[in-house]
PDB file of N, CA and C in Angstrom:
ATOM      1  N   UNK A   1     114.963 115.642  92.050  1.00  0.00           N
ATOM      2  CA  UNK A   1     115.522 115.076  91.398  1.00  0.00           C
ATOM      3  C   UNK A   1     116.544 114.006  92.263  1.00  0.00           C
ATOM      4  N   UNK A   2     116.773 112.817  92.225  1.00  0.00           N
ATOM      5  CA  UNK A   2     117.233 111.988  92.464  1.00  0.00           C
ATOM      6  C   UNK A   2     118.427 111.639  91.652  1.00  0.00           C
ATOM      7  N   UNK A   3     119.318 110.672  91.947  1.00  0.00           N
ATOM      8  CA  UNK A   3     120.523 110.236  91.524  1.00  0.00           C
ATOM      9  C   UNK A   3     120.260 109.526  89.951  1.00  0.00           C
ATOM     10  N   UNK A   4     119.282 108.668  90.078  1.00  0.00           N
ATOM     11  CA  UNK A   4     118.931 108.007  88.739  1.00  0.00           C
ATOM     12  C   UNK A   4     118.451 108.826  87.736  1.00  0.00           C
ATOM     13  N   UNK A   5     117.474 109.660  88.342  1.00  0.00           N
ATOM     14  CA  UNK A   5     117.292 110.999  87.213  1.00  0.00           C
ATOM     15  C   UNK A   5     118.418 111.723  86.835  1.00  0.00           C
ATOM     16  N   UNK A   6     119.550 112.214  87.489  1.00  0.00           N
ATOM     17  CA  UNK A   6     120.674 112.738  87.154  1.00  0.00           C
ATOM     18  C   UNK A   6     121.439 111.803  86.122  1.00  0.00           C
ATOM     19  N   UNK A   7     121.668 110.870  86.340  1.00  0.00           N
ATOM     20  CA  UNK A   7     122.511 109.663  85.724  1.00  0.00           C
ATOM     21  C   UNK A   7     121.564 109.600  84.507  1.00  0.00           C
ATOM     22  N   UNK A   8     120.144 109.435  84.138  1.00  0.00           N
ATOM     23  CA  UNK A   8     119.577 108.949  83.114  1.00  0.00           C
ATOM     24  C   UNK A   8     119.797 110.431  82.404  1.00  0.00           C
ATOM     25  N   UNK A   9     119.716 111.523  82.707  1.00  0.00           N
ATOM     26  CA  UNK A   9     119.649 113.061  81.990  1.00  0.00           C
ATOM     27  C   UNK A   9     121.184 112.851  81.427  1.00  0.00           C
ATOM     28  N   UNK A  10     122.289 112.602  82.389  1.00  0.00           N
ATOM     29  CA  UNK A  10     123.798 112.815  81.822  1.00  0.00           C
ATOM     30  C   UNK A  10     123.676 111.917  80.746  1.00  0.00           C
ATOM     31  N   UNK A  11     123.257 110.367  80.606  1.00  0.00           N
ATOM     32  CA  UNK A  11     123.534 109.378  79.778  1.00  0.00           C
ATOM     33  C   UNK A  11     122.578 109.789  78.452  1.00  0.00           C
ATOM     34  N   UNK A  12     121.497 110.559  78.384  1.00  0.00           N
ATOM     35  CA  UNK A  12     120.683 111.060  77.492  1.00  0.00           C
ATOM     36  C   UNK A  12     121.591 112.078  76.679  1.00  0.00           C
ATOM     37  N   UNK A  13     122.200 113.152  77.527  1.00  0.00           N
ATOM     38  CA  UNK A  13     122.896 114.143  76.781  1.00  0.00           C
ATOM     39  C   UNK A  13     124.340 113.593  76.289  1.00  0.00           C
ATOM     40  N   UNK A  14     125.068 112.513  76.892  1.00  0.00           N
ATOM     41  CA  UNK A  14     126.003 111.979  76.209  1.00  0.00           C
ATOM     42  C   UNK A  14     125.655 111.490  74.900  1.00  0.00           C
ATOM     43  N   UNK A  15     124.473 110.639  74.810  1.00  0.00           N
ATOM     44  CA  UNK A  15     124.370 110.133  73.725  1.00  0.00           C
ATOM     45  C   UNK A  15     123.967 111.207  72.670  1.00  0.00           C
ATOM     46  N   UNK A  16     123.201 112.100  73.207  1.00  0.00           N
ATOM     47  CA  UNK A  16     122.757 112.984  72.011  1.00  0.00           C
ATOM     48  C   UNK A  16     124.160 113.701  71.486  1.00  0.00           C
ATOM     49  N   UNK A  17     124.950 113.681  72.275  1.00  0.00           N
ATOM     50  CA  UNK A  17     126.322 114.384  71.924  1.00  0.00           C
ATOM     51  C   UNK A  17     127.265 113.515  71.112  1.00  0.00           C
ATOM     52  N   UNK A  18     126.854 112.413  71.185  1.00  0.00           N
ATOM     53  CA  UNK A  18     127.683 111.193  70.166  1.00  0.00           C
ATOM     54  C   UNK A  18     128.953 110.978  70.870  1.00  0.00           C
ATOM     55  N   UNK A  19     129.161 110.937  71.855  1.00  0.00           N
ATOM     56  CA  UNK A  19     130.450 110.608  72.791  1.00  0.00           C
ATOM     57  C   UNK A  19     130.279 109.341  73.801  1.00  0.00           C
ATOM     58  N   UNK A  20     131.386 108.778  73.695  1.00  0.00           N
ATOM     59  CA  UNK A  20     131.471 107.688  74.619  1.00  0.00           C
ATOM     60  C   UNK A  20     131.833 108.015  75.915  1.00  0.00           C
ATOM     61  N   UNK A  21     131.664 107.035  76.961  1.00  0.00           N
ATOM     62  CA  UNK A  21     131.694 107.107  78.621  1.00  0.00           C
ATOM     63  C   UNK A  21     133.132 107.550  78.720  1.00  0.00           C
ATOM     64  N   UNK A  22     134.339 106.923  78.064  1.00  0.00           N
ATOM     65  CA  UNK A  22     135.600 107.066  78.215  1.00  0.00           C
ATOM     66  C   UNK A  22     135.857 108.534  77.812  1.00  0.00           C
ATOM     67  N   UNK A  23     135.463 109.198  77.037  1.00  0.00           N
ATOM     68  CA  UNK A  23     135.810 110.617  76.327  1.00  0.00           C
ATOM     69  C   UNK A  23     135.372 111.689  77.365  1.00  0.00           C
ATOM     70  N   UNK A  24     134.081 111.329  77.728  1.00  0.00           N
ATOM     71  CA  UNK A  24     132.982 111.958  79.076  1.00  0.00           C
ATOM     72  C   UNK A  24     134.061 111.924  79.892  1.00  0.00           C
ATOM     73  N   UNK A  25     134.525 111.224  80.666  1.00  0.00           N
ATOM     74  CA  UNK A  25     135.307 110.782  81.927  1.00  0.00           C
ATOM     75  C   UNK A  25     136.797 111.322  81.784  1.00  0.00           C
ATOM     76  N   UNK A  26     137.306 111.246  80.466  1.00  0.00           N
ATOM     77  CA  UNK A  26     138.528 111.999  80.486  1.00  0.00           C
ATOM     78  C   UNK A  26     138.505 113.624  80.119  1.00  0.00           C
ATOM     79  N   UNK A  27     137.497 113.827  79.731  1.00  0.00           N
ATOM     80  CA  UNK A  27     137.380 115.556  79.699  1.00  0.00           C
ATOM     81  C   UNK A  27     136.957 115.926  81.036  1.00  0.00           C
ATOM     82  N   UNK A  28     136.233 115.224  81.899  1.00  0.00           N
ATOM     83  CA  UNK A  28     135.893 115.756  83.197  1.00  0.00           C
ATOM     84  C   UNK A  28     136.932 115.320  84.286  1.00  0.00           C
ATOM     85  N   UNK A  29     137.996 114.548  84.011  1.00  0.00           N
ATOM     86  CA  UNK A  29     138.789 114.304  85.079  1.00  0.00           C
ATOM     87  C   UNK A  29     138.085 113.153  86.118  1.00  0.00           C
ATOM     88  N   UNK A  30     137.285 112.627  85.629  1.00  0.00           N
ATOM     89  CA  UNK A  30     136.515 111.424  86.501  1.00  0.00           C
ATOM     90  C   UNK A  30     136.647 110.215  85.913  1.00  0.00           C
ATOM     91  N   UNK A  31     136.964 109.232  86.642  1.00  0.00           N
ATOM     92  CA  UNK A  31     137.069 107.861  86.375  1.00  0.00           C
ATOM     93  C   UNK A  31     135.909 107.298  85.584  1.00  0.00           C
ATOM     94  N   UNK A  32     136.233 106.304  84.551  1.00  0.00           N
ATOM     95  CA  UNK A  32     135.155 105.697  83.844  1.00  0.00           C
ATOM     96  C   UNK A  32     133.976 104.989  84.586  1.00  0.00           C
ATOM     97  N   UNK A  33     134.677 104.115  85.741  1.00  0.00           N
ATOM     98  CA  UNK A  33     133.776 103.491  86.441  1.00  0.00           C
ATOM     99  C   UNK A  33     132.941 104.284  87.307  1.00  0.00           C
ATOM    100  N   UNK A  34     133.464 105.390  87.781  1.00  0.00           N
ATOM    101  CA  UNK A  34     132.611 106.474  88.593  1.00  0.00           C
ATOM    102  C   UNK A  34     131.341 106.977  87.493  1.00  0.00           C
ATOM    103  N   UNK A  35     131.775 107.424  85.931  1.00  0.00           N
ATOM    104  CA  UNK A  35     130.620 107.544  85.284  1.00  0.00           C
ATOM    105  C   UNK A  35     129.642 106.700  85.114  1.00  0.00           C
ATOM    106  N   UNK A  36     129.862 105.579  85.206  1.00  0.00           N
ATOM    107  CA  UNK A  36     129.306 104.459  84.660  1.00  0.00           C
ATOM    108  C   UNK A  36     128.412 104.304  85.769  1.00  0.00           C
ATOM    109  N   UNK A  37     128.957 104.262  86.748  1.00  0.00           N
ATOM    110  CA  UNK A  37     128.061 103.972  88.302  1.00  0.00           C
ATOM    111  C   UNK A  37     126.977 104.952  88.366  1.00  0.00           C
ATOM    112  N   UNK A  38     127.572 106.547  88.202  1.00  0.00           N
ATOM    113  CA  UNK A  38     126.459 107.605  88.137  1.00  0.00           C
ATOM    114  C   UNK A  38     125.337 107.389  86.954  1.00  0.00           C
ATOM    115  N   UNK A  39     125.784 107.170  85.756  1.00  0.00           N
ATOM    116  CA  UNK A  39     124.626 106.879  84.665  1.00  0.00           C
ATOM    117  C   UNK A  39     123.539 105.651  85.118  1.00  0.00           C
ATOM    118  N   UNK A  40     124.037 104.832  85.972  1.00  0.00           N
ATOM    119  CA  UNK A  40     123.293 103.765  86.483  1.00  0.00           C
ATOM    120  C   UNK A  40     122.507 104.273  87.764  1.00  0.00           C
ATOM    121  N   UNK A  41     122.714 105.497  88.271  1.00  0.00           N
ATOM    122  CA  UNK A  41     121.985 105.871  89.491  1.00  0.00           C
ATOM    123  C   UNK A  41     122.589 105.209  90.852  1.00  0.00           C
ATOM    124  N   UNK A  42     123.756 104.797  90.516  1.00  0.00           N
ATOM    125  CA  UNK A  42     124.633 104.148  91.818  1.00  0.00           C
ATOM    126  C   UNK A  42     125.440 104.966  92.394  1.00  0.00           C
ATOM    127  N   UNK A  43     125.881 104.666  93.702  1.00  0.00           N
ATOM    128  CA  UNK A  43     127.245 105.341  94.238  1.00  0.00           C
ATOM    129  C   UNK A  43     126.542 106.718  94.952  1.00  0.00           C
ATOM    130  N   UNK A  44     127.793 107.089  95.533  1.00  0.00           N
ATOM    131  CA  UNK A  44     127.356 108.541  95.994  1.00  0.00           C
ATOM    132  C   UNK A  44     128.546 109.451  95.819  1.00  0.00           C
ATOM    133  N   UNK A  45     128.205 110.047  94.709  1.00  0.00           N
ATOM    134  CA  UNK A  45     129.148 110.813  94.156  1.00  0.00           C
ATOM    135  C   UNK A  45     129.359 112.033  94.760  1.00  0.00           C
ATOM    136  N   UNK A  46     130.532 112.749  94.900  1.00  0.00           N
ATOM    137  CA  UNK A  46     131.007 114.306  95.348  1.00  0.00           C
ATOM    138  C   UNK A  46     130.076 115.215  94.457  1.00  0.00           C
ATOM    139  N   UNK A  47     129.812 116.296  95.002  1.00  0.00           N
ATOM    140  CA  UNK A  47     129.217 117.362  94.520  1.00  0.00           C
ATOM    141  C   UNK A  47     129.930 117.941  93.304  1.00  0.00           C
ATOM    142  N   UNK A  48     131.327 117.848  93.479  1.00  0.00           N
ATOM    143  CA  UNK A  48     132.329 118.152  92.569  1.00  0.00           C
ATOM    144  C   UNK A  48     132.464 117.246  91.337  1.00  0.00           C
ATOM    145  N   UNK A  49     132.292 116.096  91.657  1.00  0.00           N
ATOM    146  CA  UNK A  49     132.413 114.982  90.559  1.00  0.00           C
ATOM    147  C   UNK A  49     131.367 115.215  89.491  1.00  0.00           C
ATOM    148  N   UNK A  50     130.097 115.398  90.605  1.00  0.00           N
ATOM    149  CA  UNK A  50     128.781 115.680  89.454  1.00  0.00           C
ATOM    150  C   UNK A  50     128.768 116.842  88.616  1.00  0.00           C
ATOM    151  N   UNK A  51     129.331 118.154  89.248  1.00  0.00           N
ATOM    152  CA  UNK A  51     129.413 119.214  88.630  1.00  0.00           C
ATOM    153  C   UNK A  51     130.571 118.907  87.557  1.00  0.00           C
ATOM    154  N   UNK A  52     131.295 118.582  87.682  1.00  0.00           N
ATOM    155  CA  UNK A  52     132.306 118.784  86.473  1.00  0.00           C
ATOM    156  C   UNK A  52     131.995 117.622  85.572  1.00  0.00           C
ATOM    157  N   UNK A  53     131.408 116.519  85.877  1.00  0.00           N
ATOM    158  CA  UNK A  53     130.604 115.581  84.658  1.00  0.00           C
ATOM    159  C   UNK A  53     129.204 116.498  83.769  1.00  0.00           C
ATOM    160  N   UNK A  54     128.692 117.163  84.635  1.00  0.00           N
ATOM    161  CA  UNK A  54     127.632 118.053  84.318  1.00  0.00           C
ATOM    162  C   UNK A  54     128.011 118.947  83.279  1.00  0.00           C
ATOM    163  N   UNK A  55     129.190 119.931  83.736  1.00  0.00           N
ATOM    164  CA  UNK A  55     129.628 120.937  82.846  1.00  0.00           C
ATOM    165  C   UNK A  55     130.279 120.266  81.623  1.00  0.00           C
ATOM    166  N   UNK A  56     130.932 119.195  81.553  1.00  0.00           N
ATOM    167  CA  UNK A  56     131.468 118.741  80.372  1.00  0.00           C
ATOM    168  C   UNK A  56     130.532 118.490  79.413  1.00  0.00           C
ATOM    169  N   UNK A  57     129.317 117.933  79.794  1.00  0.00           N
ATOM    170  CA  UNK A  57     128.204 117.540  79.228  1.00  0.00           C
ATOM    171  C   UNK A  57     127.148 119.064  78.787  1.00  0.00           C
ATOM    172  N   UNK A  58     127.666 119.948  79.190  1.00  0.00           N
ATOM    173  CA  UNK A  58     126.405 121.289  79.104  1.00  0.00           C
ATOM    174  C   UNK A  58     125.514 121.153  79.709  1.00  0.00           C
ATOM    175  N   UNK A  59     125.493 120.704  80.946  1.00  0.00           N
ATOM    176  CA  UNK A  59     124.311 120.514  81.925  1.00  0.00           C
ATOM    177  C   UNK A  59     124.475 121.035  83.006  1.00  0.00           C
ATOM    178  N   UNK A  60     123.912 121.643  84.107  1.00  0.00           N
ATOM    179  CA  UNK A  60     124.049 122.134  85.190  1.00  0.00           C
ATOM    180  C   UNK A  60     122.731 121.645  85.854  1.00  0.00           C
ATOM    181  N   UNK A  61     123.387 121.790  87.343  1.00  0.00           N
ATOM    182  CA  UNK A  61     122.752 121.331  88.521  1.00  0.00           C
ATOM    183  C   UNK A  61     121.892 122.530  89.177  1.00  0.00           C
ATOM    184  N   UNK A  62     120.540 122.610  89.391  1.00  0.00           N
ATOM    185  CA  UNK A  62     120.261 123.754  89.942  1.00  0.00           C
ATOM    186  C   UNK A  62     119.649 123.276  91.173  1.00  0.00           C
ATOM    187  N   UNK A  63     119.672 124.391  91.994  1.00  0.00           N
ATOM    188  CA  UNK A  63     118.977 124.123  93.546  1.00  0.00           C
ATOM    189  C   UNK A  63     117.813 125.224  93.689  1.00  0.00           C
ATOM    190  N   UNK A  64     116.894 124.582  94.159  1.00  0.00           N
ATOM    191  CA  UNK A  64     115.633 125.244  94.424  1.00  0.00           C
ATOM    192  C   UNK A  64     114.816 125.074  95.617  1.00  0.00           C
ATOM    193  N   UNK A  65     113.974 125.667  96.120  1.00  0.00           N
ATOM    194  CA  UNK A  65     113.200 125.717  97.181  1.00  0.00           C
ATOM    195  C   UNK A  65     112.357 124.456  97.045  1.00  0.00           C
ATOM    196  N   UNK A  66     112.349 123.459  98.107  1.00  0.00           N
ATOM    197  CA  UNK A  66     111.617 122.331  97.946  1.00  0.00           C
ATOM    198  C   UNK A  66     110.075 122.465  98.523  1.00  0.00           C
ATOM    199  N   UNK A  67     108.900 122.297  97.950  1.00  0.00           N
ATOM    200  CA  UNK A  67     107.715 122.465  98.542  1.00  0.00           C
ATOM    201  C   UNK A  67     107.596 121.102  99.810  1.00  0.00           C
ATOM    202  N   UNK A  68     107.191 121.489 100.711  1.00  0.00           N
ATOM    203  CA  UNK A  68     106.981 120.567 101.711  1.00  0.00           C
ATOM    204  C   UNK A  68     105.652 119.826 101.734  1.00  0.00           C
ATOM    205  N   UNK A  69     105.355 118.760 102.196  1.00  0.00           N
ATOM    206  CA  UNK A  69     103.922 118.466 102.238  1.00  0.00           C
ATOM    207  C   UNK A  69     103.084 119.374 103.250  1.00  0.00           C
ATOM    208  N   UNK A  70     103.603 119.638 104.254  1.00  0.00           N
ATOM    209  CA  UNK A  70     102.646 120.239 105.106  1.00  0.00           C
ATOM    210  C   UNK A  70     102.467 121.522 104.875  1.00  0.00           C
ATOM    211  N   UNK A  71     103.281 122.402 103.691  1.00  0.00           N
ATOM    212  CA  UNK A  71     102.813 123.518 103.270  1.00  0.00           C
ATOM    213  C   UNK A  71     101.911 123.464 102.172  1.00  0.00           C
ATOM    214  N   UNK A  72     101.440 122.304 101.627  1.00  0.00           N
ATOM    215  CA  UNK A  72     100.245 121.859 100.786  1.00  0.00           C
ATOM    216  C   UNK A  72      98.800 122.018 101.477  1.00  0.00           C
ATOM    217  N   UNK A  73      99.002 121.868 102.759  1.00  0.00           N
ATOM    218  CA  UNK A  73      97.942 121.384 103.456  1.00  0.00           C
ATOM    219  C   UNK A  73      96.908 122.868 103.570  1.00  0.00           C
TER     220      UNK A  73
END
């Protein structure tokens, strides 16, 4: 999952919840411009910023083992 996919998931969840970007930003302690950029798949946010936003939206970031190309041969 890349930042564009994370941003899309965050935006979709925010819309489902019926809240605007300003509200999510305020609740998570993140600048509105930062949230806007993340939802667009831009920037290079810190993990703490992402987790704060995701937590506010009721989402989580999972880390799992990646299957490498050479492992499928």
